């Protein structure tokens, strides 16, 4: 009994230490005026604290999930009838852009397999964007795939995008504080008092939506569930749905960023230098490719540079949506493109990849017997 009490106290200590590190990171990045400080600050400090200082940091995935739920609620507010109509008009372009981005990933993985010692299947699974959990799950199913390599490539790409995209957004090319295009009005950021009493109804509904989405095995269930709930309520009723105060959005960023910062574990890598170099170069190539595709998207649909870049950035939907909030990009368009890619990867790419990889691995096993 005493042992259990000590273990419980240690877990509580680790969590509050982690919370302190995250808050300190957010405050420091706010003081130095870094873009999205409450996402980047906790992420950097948790990464440094765990890997450099070797502190026993922890961040439960459930806290990350509820941070994503808050973002999902916020996205749901932007999915008006007009916004959904605009998204439907862009479906062919969404498919084209997704295929081009995945094609770039396949080409990068193929070239990397020729110039490194890593196998093409592992590099391919590690390179597909926007589907971290799906690709890691696929790697776990395929026993011959290097799971550590896949996870490291995916997490490195995600962290590099979360770092690089904010600075691109505030660069002269984007224009600093880009506004939303398409004439869509921005959501007014509310105060805490304005949330009540409506939020007492919507919060449980969003939690229920996330729970149902997870039971149905939806990708990013804690974002997709609340999004669908709020979209349905908005389209079918005239109820008032309060916007979220800035401080609550900052809390959601901290909840997500703290978890991302703990995901990188370089000590598990066997060939550290080669793997880190490969991960960085492939991520840079992917960001450059997304930048080129965003330029095409911007010109075809007359979107703002920020909206186009965030729509094409191969990062997590939650992180891109947070950035869209920060720079007043068209959140409905950004979430539309990101959601389409997530669903496309979840329902189509994962299945096709599995069939291709099974065929490739069978071919490898059959070769020795033919000799």
Protein backbone atom coordinates (compact mmCIF):
# COMPACT_ATOMS: atom_id res chain seq x y z
CA UNK A 1 0.00 0.00 0.00
CA UNK A 2 2.82 2.37 0.91
CA UNK A 3 4.60 1.47 -2.34
CA UNK A 4 1.49 2.30 -4.38
CA UNK A 5 1.22 5.63 -2.57
CA UNK A 6 4.85 6.45 -3.37
CA UNK A 7 4.38 5.51 -7.01
CA UNK A 8 1.29 7.70 -7.22
CA UNK A 9 3.14 10.63 -5.67
CA UNK A 10 6.01 10.21 -8.14
CA UNK A 11 3.63 10.25 -11.11
CA UNK A 12 2.00 13.43 -9.78
CA UNK A 13 5.46 14.99 -9.32
CA UNK A 14 6.45 14.11 -12.91
CA UNK A 15 3.26 15.63 -14.29
CA UNK A 16 3.54 18.92 -12.38
CA UNK A 17 7.24 19.15 -13.29
CA UNK A 18 6.23 18.73 -16.94
CA UNK A 19 3.45 21.30 -16.58
CA UNK A 20 5.91 23.79 -15.07
CA UNK A 21 8.39 23.21 -17.91
CA UNK A 22 5.64 23.70 -20.51
CA UNK A 23 4.28 26.88 -18.94
CA UNK A 24 7.82 28.29 -18.66
CA UNK A 25 8.38 27.55 -22.35
CA UNK A 26 5.14 29.25 -23.34
CA UNK A 27 5.90 32.34 -21.23
CA UNK A 28 9.44 32.68 -22.59
CA UNK A 29 8.35 32.30 -26.21
CA UNK A 30 5.60 34.87 -25.57
CA UNK A 31 8.15 37.35 -24.18
CA UNK A 32 10.46 36.97 -27.20
CA UNK A 33 7.45 37.28 -29.57
CA UNK A 34 7.82 33.90 -31.26
CA UNK A 35 4.96 32.82 -33.56
CA UNK A 36 2.41 30.51 -31.83
CA UNK A 37 4.39 30.69 -28.54
CA UNK A 38 2.09 28.38 -26.56
CA UNK A 39 2.62 25.59 -29.10
CA UNK A 40 6.32 26.04 -29.86
CA UNK A 41 7.42 26.99 -26.32
CA UNK A 42 6.11 23.88 -24.53
CA UNK A 43 7.27 21.70 -27.41
CA UNK A 44 10.86 23.01 -27.29
CA UNK A 45 11.13 22.98 -23.50
CA UNK A 46 9.68 19.46 -23.19
CA UNK A 47 12.08 18.21 -25.87
CA UNK A 48 15.09 19.84 -24.19
CA UNK A 49 13.98 18.83 -20.70
CA UNK A 50 13.58 15.18 -21.62
CA UNK A 51 16.53 14.76 -24.01
CA UNK A 52 19.13 17.25 -22.72
CA UNK A 53 18.38 17.71 -19.01
CA UNK A 54 17.13 14.09 -18.74
CA UNK A 55 14.25 15.10 -16.45
CA UNK A 56 11.54 12.45 -15.89
CA UNK A 57 8.91 14.37 -17.87
CA UNK A 58 5.55 12.87 -18.84
CA UNK A 59 2.45 14.07 -20.62
CA UNK A 60 -0.63 11.81 -20.79
CA UNK A 61 -2.05 11.36 -24.29
CA UNK A 62 -5.53 12.04 -22.87
CA UNK A 63 -4.54 15.66 -22.14
CA UNK A 64 -3.33 16.04 -25.73
CA UNK A 65 -6.64 14.59 -26.92
CA UNK A 66 -8.70 17.18 -25.06
CA UNK A 67 -6.47 19.93 -26.43
CA UNK A 68 -7.28 18.64 -29.91
CA UNK A 69 -10.98 18.54 -28.94
CA UNK A 70 -10.87 22.28 -28.19
CA UNK A 71 -9.38 22.93 -31.62
CA UNK A 72 -12.04 20.69 -33.19
CA UNK A 73 -14.81 22.77 -31.59
CA UNK A 74 -13.21 25.93 -32.94
CA UNK A 75 -12.95 24.51 -36.47
CA UNK A 76 -16.59 23.40 -36.31
CA UNK A 77 -17.64 27.03 -35.82
CA UNK A 78 -16.14 27.95 -39.21
CA UNK A 79 -17.98 25.22 -41.15
CA UNK A 80 -20.91 27.33 -42.22
CA UNK A 81 -23.10 26.48 -45.22
CA UNK A 82 -21.17 28.98 -47.34
CA UNK A 83 -17.80 27.56 -46.25
CA UNK A 84 -18.88 23.95 -46.96
CA UNK A 85 -20.08 24.97 -50.42
CA UNK A 86 -16.66 26.47 -51.12
CA UNK A 87 -14.93 23.31 -49.93
CA UNK A 88 -17.10 21.11 -52.20
CA UNK A 89 -16.13 23.26 -55.18
CA UNK A 90 -12.45 22.59 -54.43
CA UNK A 91 -12.69 18.79 -54.03
CA UNK A 92 -11.01 18.02 -57.40
CA UNK A 93 -8.12 20.33 -56.50
CA UNK A 94 -7.89 18.73 -53.04
CA UNK A 95 -7.48 15.32 -54.68
CA UNK A 96 -4.89 16.60 -57.15
CA UNK A 97 -2.85 18.38 -54.47
CA UNK A 98 -2.96 15.34 -52.18
CA UNK A 99 -1.79 13.03 -54.97
CA UNK A 100 1.04 15.39 -55.92
CA UNK A 101 2.20 15.65 -52.32
CA UNK A 102 2.12 11.87 -51.82
CA UNK A 103 3.93 11.44 -55.16
CA UNK A 104 6.70 13.73 -53.90
CA UNK A 105 6.97 11.58 -50.75
CA UNK A 106 7.25 8.37 -52.78
CA UNK A 107 9.98 9.90 -54.98
CA UNK A 108 11.91 11.17 -51.95
CA UNK A 109 11.70 7.75 -50.24
CA UNK A 110 12.88 5.97 -53.41
CA UNK A 111 15.90 8.25 -53.86
CA UNK A 112 16.75 7.97 -50.16
CA UNK A 113 16.66 4.16 -50.38
CA UNK A 114 19.25 4.31 -53.17
CA UNK A 115 21.71 6.57 -51.36
CA UNK A 116 21.36 5.16 -47.81
CA UNK A 117 21.33 1.73 -46.17
CA UNK A 118 17.65 1.95 -45.27
CA UNK A 119 15.03 -0.12 -47.07
CA UNK A 120 12.43 1.49 -49.33
CA UNK A 121 9.32 0.13 -47.50
CA UNK A 122 10.39 1.66 -44.18
CA UNK A 123 11.31 4.97 -45.84
CA UNK A 124 8.03 5.04 -47.73
CA UNK A 125 5.88 4.49 -44.64
CA UNK A 126 7.96 7.06 -42.76
CA UNK A 127 7.52 9.69 -45.48
CA UNK A 128 3.74 9.73 -46.03
CA UNK A 129 2.48 13.06 -44.58
CA UNK A 130 -0.44 13.79 -42.31
CA UNK A 131 -0.96 10.30 -40.98
CA UNK A 132 1.42 9.74 -38.07
CA UNK A 133 -0.80 7.34 -36.11
CA UNK A 134 -1.94 5.49 -39.24
CA UNK A 135 1.61 5.01 -40.57
CA UNK A 136 2.99 3.90 -37.21
CA UNK A 137 0.12 1.40 -36.89
CA UNK A 138 0.86 0.11 -40.40
CA UNK A 139 4.55 -0.26 -39.51
CA UNK A 140 3.60 -2.27 -36.43
CA UNK A 141 1.52 -4.65 -38.56
CA UNK A 142 4.32 -5.18 -41.10
CA UNK A 143 6.94 -6.98 -39.00
CA UNK A 144 9.82 -6.41 -41.45
CA UNK A 145 9.43 -2.61 -41.40
CA UNK A 146 11.74 -0.60 -39.15
CA UNK A 147 9.23 0.84 -36.66
CA UNK A 148 11.80 3.08 -34.92
CA UNK A 149 12.85 4.62 -38.24
CA UNK A 150 9.24 5.18 -39.32
CA UNK A 151 8.34 6.86 -36.02
CA UNK A 152 11.44 9.06 -36.05
CA UNK A 153 10.89 10.19 -39.66
CA UNK A 154 7.23 10.98 -39.01
CA UNK A 155 7.84 12.85 -35.76
CA UNK A 156 10.84 14.78 -37.15
CA UNK A 157 8.74 15.90 -40.13
CA UNK A 158 5.93 17.00 -37.83
CA UNK A 159 8.23 18.94 -35.50
CA UNK A 160 10.13 20.60 -38.36
CA UNK A 161 6.88 21.68 -39.99
CA UNK A 162 5.51 23.04 -36.73
CA UNK A 163 8.75 25.03 -36.36
CA UNK A 164 9.26 26.16 -39.96
CA UNK A 165 5.72 27.00 -41.07
CA UNK A 166 5.13 29.77 -38.47
CA UNK A 167 8.31 31.55 -39.56
CA UNK A 168 7.32 31.15 -43.22
CA UNK A 169 3.91 32.62 -42.38
CA UNK A 170 5.53 35.74 -40.91
CA UNK A 171 8.13 36.03 -43.68
CA UNK A 172 8.03 38.76 -46.36
CA UNK A 173 6.84 36.17 -48.91
CA UNK A 174 3.64 35.56 -46.96
CA UNK A 175 3.25 39.13 -45.81
CA UNK A 176 3.37 39.02 -42.01
CA UNK A 177 -0.24 39.09 -40.83
CA UNK A 178 -2.19 37.49 -43.61
CA UNK A 179 -5.92 37.82 -43.50
CA UNK A 180 -8.60 35.36 -44.45
CA UNK A 181 -9.61 35.32 -48.10
CA UNK A 182 -12.94 34.60 -49.76
CA UNK A 183 -14.50 37.38 -47.78
CA UNK A 184 -15.28 35.04 -44.91
CA UNK A 185 -15.70 36.97 -41.67
CA UNK A 186 -13.30 36.04 -38.91
CA UNK A 187 -14.61 34.50 -35.72
CA UNK A 188 -14.74 36.99 -32.88
CA UNK A 189 -12.57 35.84 -30.00
CA UNK A 190 -14.82 35.74 -26.94
CA UNK A 191 -14.25 36.33 -23.27
CA UNK A 192 -14.64 33.58 -20.66
CA UNK A 193 -17.92 35.09 -19.49
CA UNK A 194 -19.38 34.92 -23.01
CA UNK A 195 -18.93 31.14 -23.06
CA UNK A 196 -21.70 30.57 -20.53
CA UNK A 197 -24.24 29.09 -20.34
CA UNK A 198 -24.10 27.70 -23.91
CA UNK A 199 -20.75 25.98 -23.44
CA UNK A 200 -22.29 23.78 -20.72
CA UNK A 201 -24.37 22.19 -23.49
CA UNK A 202 -21.78 22.08 -26.25
CA UNK A 203 -18.83 20.77 -24.21
CA UNK A 204 -20.52 17.43 -23.30
CA UNK A 205 -21.79 17.10 -26.88
CA UNK A 206 -18.25 17.55 -28.22
CA UNK A 207 -16.90 14.97 -25.76
CA UNK A 208 -19.66 12.56 -26.82
CA UNK A 209 -18.86 13.24 -30.49
CA UNK A 210 -15.18 12.49 -29.90
CA UNK A 211 -16.07 9.28 -28.04
CA UNK A 212 -18.35 8.08 -30.86
CA UNK A 213 -15.74 8.97 -33.50
CA UNK A 214 -13.12 6.96 -31.61
CA UNK A 215 -15.46 3.97 -31.30
CA UNK A 216 -15.98 4.16 -35.07
CA UNK A 217 -12.17 4.25 -35.48
CA UNK A 218 -12.16 7.62 -37.22
CA UNK A 219 -8.74 9.22 -37.79
CA UNK A 220 -8.04 12.12 -35.37
CA UNK A 221 -11.30 11.27 -33.59
CA UNK A 222 -10.97 13.98 -30.93
CA UNK A 223 -10.89 16.61 -33.66
CA UNK A 224 -13.27 15.11 -36.19
CA UNK A 225 -16.01 14.25 -33.65
CA UNK A 226 -16.44 17.80 -32.22
CA UNK A 227 -16.11 19.26 -35.73
CA UNK A 228 -19.02 17.17 -36.99
CA UNK A 229 -21.14 17.88 -33.90
CA UNK A 230 -20.68 21.65 -34.14
CA UNK A 231 -21.14 21.67 -37.91
CA UNK A 232 -24.44 19.76 -37.64
CA UNK A 233 -25.72 22.04 -34.87
CA UNK A 234 -24.74 25.12 -36.84
CA UNK A 235 -26.41 23.97 -40.06
CA UNK A 236 -29.59 22.62 -38.45
CA UNK A 237 -30.35 25.18 -35.74
CA UNK A 238 -30.18 28.89 -35.00
CA UNK A 239 -28.54 28.40 -31.61
CA UNK A 240 -25.74 30.76 -30.58
CA UNK A 241 -22.33 29.06 -30.46
CA UNK A 242 -19.76 31.04 -28.49
CA UNK A 243 -16.24 31.56 -29.81
CA UNK A 244 -13.32 30.62 -27.59
CA UNK A 245 -11.24 33.11 -25.62
CA UNK A 246 -7.59 33.49 -26.60
CA UNK A 247 -6.40 32.13 -23.26
CA UNK A 248 -8.33 28.87 -23.79
CA UNK A 249 -6.83 28.49 -27.26
CA UNK A 250 -3.41 29.02 -25.67
CA UNK A 251 -4.16 26.25 -23.18
CA UNK A 252 -5.09 23.90 -26.03
CA UNK A 253 -1.79 24.73 -27.75
CA UNK A 254 0.12 23.88 -24.57
CA UNK A 255 -1.78 20.60 -24.22
CA UNK A 256 -0.81 19.59 -27.77
CA UNK A 257 2.72 21.03 -27.93
CA UNK A 258 3.81 19.38 -24.68
CA UNK A 259 2.95 15.95 -26.07
CA UNK A 260 4.67 16.55 -29.43
CA UNK A 261 7.85 17.64 -27.64
CA UNK A 262 8.12 14.28 -25.87
CA UNK A 263 7.61 12.18 -28.99
CA UNK A 264 11.21 12.34 -30.28
CA UNK A 265 13.46 9.69 -28.73
CA UNK A 266 16.86 9.78 -30.52
CA UNK A 267 18.35 7.24 -28.10
CA UNK A 268 16.33 4.48 -29.81
CA UNK A 269 18.07 5.05 -33.16
CA UNK A 270 20.86 2.72 -34.30
CA UNK A 271 22.50 4.94 -36.96
CA UNK A 272 21.86 8.34 -35.45
CA UNK A 273 23.82 10.62 -37.81
CA UNK A 274 22.51 9.05 -41.01
CA UNK A 275 18.94 8.89 -39.73
CA UNK A 276 18.84 12.46 -38.43
CA UNK A 277 20.38 13.77 -41.68
CA UNK A 278 17.88 11.81 -43.74
CA UNK A 279 14.93 12.99 -41.62
CA UNK A 280 15.94 16.65 -41.86
CA UNK A 281 16.66 16.61 -45.61
CA UNK A 282 13.45 14.75 -46.47
CA UNK A 283 11.44 17.14 -44.28
CA UNK A 284 13.01 20.17 -45.95
CA UNK A 285 12.23 18.74 -49.40
CA UNK A 286 8.65 18.07 -48.36
CA UNK A 287 8.21 21.60 -47.00
CA UNK A 288 9.70 23.05 -50.19
CA UNK A 289 7.32 20.93 -52.29
CA UNK A 290 4.34 22.00 -50.19
CA UNK A 291 5.42 25.63 -50.62
CA UNK A 292 5.42 25.26 -54.40
CA UNK A 293 2.01 23.56 -54.39
CA UNK A 294 0.61 26.29 -52.12
CA UNK A 295 1.75 28.91 -54.65
CA UNK A 296 -0.23 27.05 -57.35
CA UNK A 297 -3.27 26.79 -55.07
CA UNK A 298 -3.09 30.49 -54.21
CA UNK A 299 -3.18 31.51 -57.87
CA UNK A 300 -5.90 29.09 -58.96
CA UNK A 301 -8.42 30.02 -56.22
CA UNK A 302 -7.21 33.53 -55.30
CA UNK A 303 -6.58 32.45 -51.70
CA UNK A 304 -4.28 34.30 -49.34
CA UNK A 305 -0.68 33.05 -49.12
CA UNK A 306 -1.22 32.01 -45.49
CA UNK A 307 -4.39 30.04 -46.28
CA UNK A 308 -2.71 28.26 -49.21
CA UNK A 309 0.44 27.38 -47.25
CA UNK A 310 -1.46 26.04 -44.25
CA UNK A 311 -3.76 24.05 -46.53
CA UNK A 312 -0.80 22.31 -48.15
CA UNK A 313 1.58 22.04 -45.17
CA UNK A 314 2.06 18.30 -44.46
CA UNK A 315 1.69 18.63 -40.70
CA UNK A 316 -0.99 17.78 -38.19
CA UNK A 317 -4.44 19.21 -38.75
CA UNK A 318 -4.56 20.50 -35.18
CA UNK A 319 -1.27 22.42 -35.49
CA UNK A 320 -2.18 23.92 -38.88
CA UNK A 321 -5.58 24.99 -37.56
CA UNK A 322 -3.95 26.69 -34.56
CA UNK A 323 -1.68 28.62 -36.93
CA UNK A 324 -4.66 29.56 -39.10
CA UNK A 325 -6.24 31.11 -35.98
CA UNK A 326 -3.05 33.05 -35.27
CA UNK A 327 -2.71 34.66 -38.72
CA UNK A 328 -6.44 35.00 -39.52
CA UNK A 329 -6.25 32.58 -42.45
CA UNK A 330 -9.44 31.02 -43.83
CA UNK A 331 -9.84 28.25 -41.25
CA UNK A 332 -12.60 26.43 -43.13
CA UNK A 333 -10.42 26.07 -46.25
CA UNK A 334 -7.34 25.04 -44.25
CA UNK A 335 -9.29 22.43 -42.27
CA UNK A 336 -11.00 21.25 -45.47
CA UNK A 337 -7.71 20.47 -47.23
CA UNK A 338 -6.11 18.98 -44.13
CA UNK A 339 -9.17 16.84 -43.38
CA UNK A 340 -9.39 15.60 -46.96
CA UNK A 341 -5.74 14.51 -46.87
CA UNK A 342 -6.16 12.76 -43.50
CA UNK A 343 -9.23 10.84 -44.71
CA UNK A 344 -7.60 10.02 -48.05
CA UNK A 345 -4.52 8.65 -46.29
CA UNK A 346 -6.61 6.80 -43.70
CA UNK A 347 -9.07 5.12 -46.06
CA UNK A 348 -7.13 4.78 -49.34
CA UNK A 349 -3.37 5.29 -49.00
CA UNK A 350 -3.03 3.02 -45.95
CA UNK A 351 -4.85 0.16 -47.72
CA UNK A 352 -2.94 0.59 -50.99
CA UNK A 353 0.37 0.85 -49.14
CA UNK A 354 -0.34 -2.34 -47.24
CA UNK A 355 -1.07 -4.26 -50.43
CA UNK A 356 2.06 -2.91 -52.14
CA UNK A 357 4.28 -3.63 -49.14
CA UNK A 358 2.93 -7.18 -48.76
CA UNK A 359 3.65 -7.79 -52.45
CA UNK A 360 7.17 -6.32 -52.17
CA UNK A 361 8.01 -8.35 -49.08
CA UNK A 362 6.71 -11.56 -50.67
CA UNK A 363 8.88 -10.84 -53.68
CA UNK A 364 11.94 -10.44 -51.48
CA UNK A 365 11.27 -13.78 -49.75
CA UNK A 366 10.73 -15.55 -53.07
CA UNK A 367 14.02 -14.37 -54.64
CA UNK A 368 16.38 -16.70 -52.71
CA UNK A 369 14.32 -19.75 -53.62
CA UNK A 370 14.60 -18.92 -57.32
CA UNK A 371 18.38 -18.96 -57.26
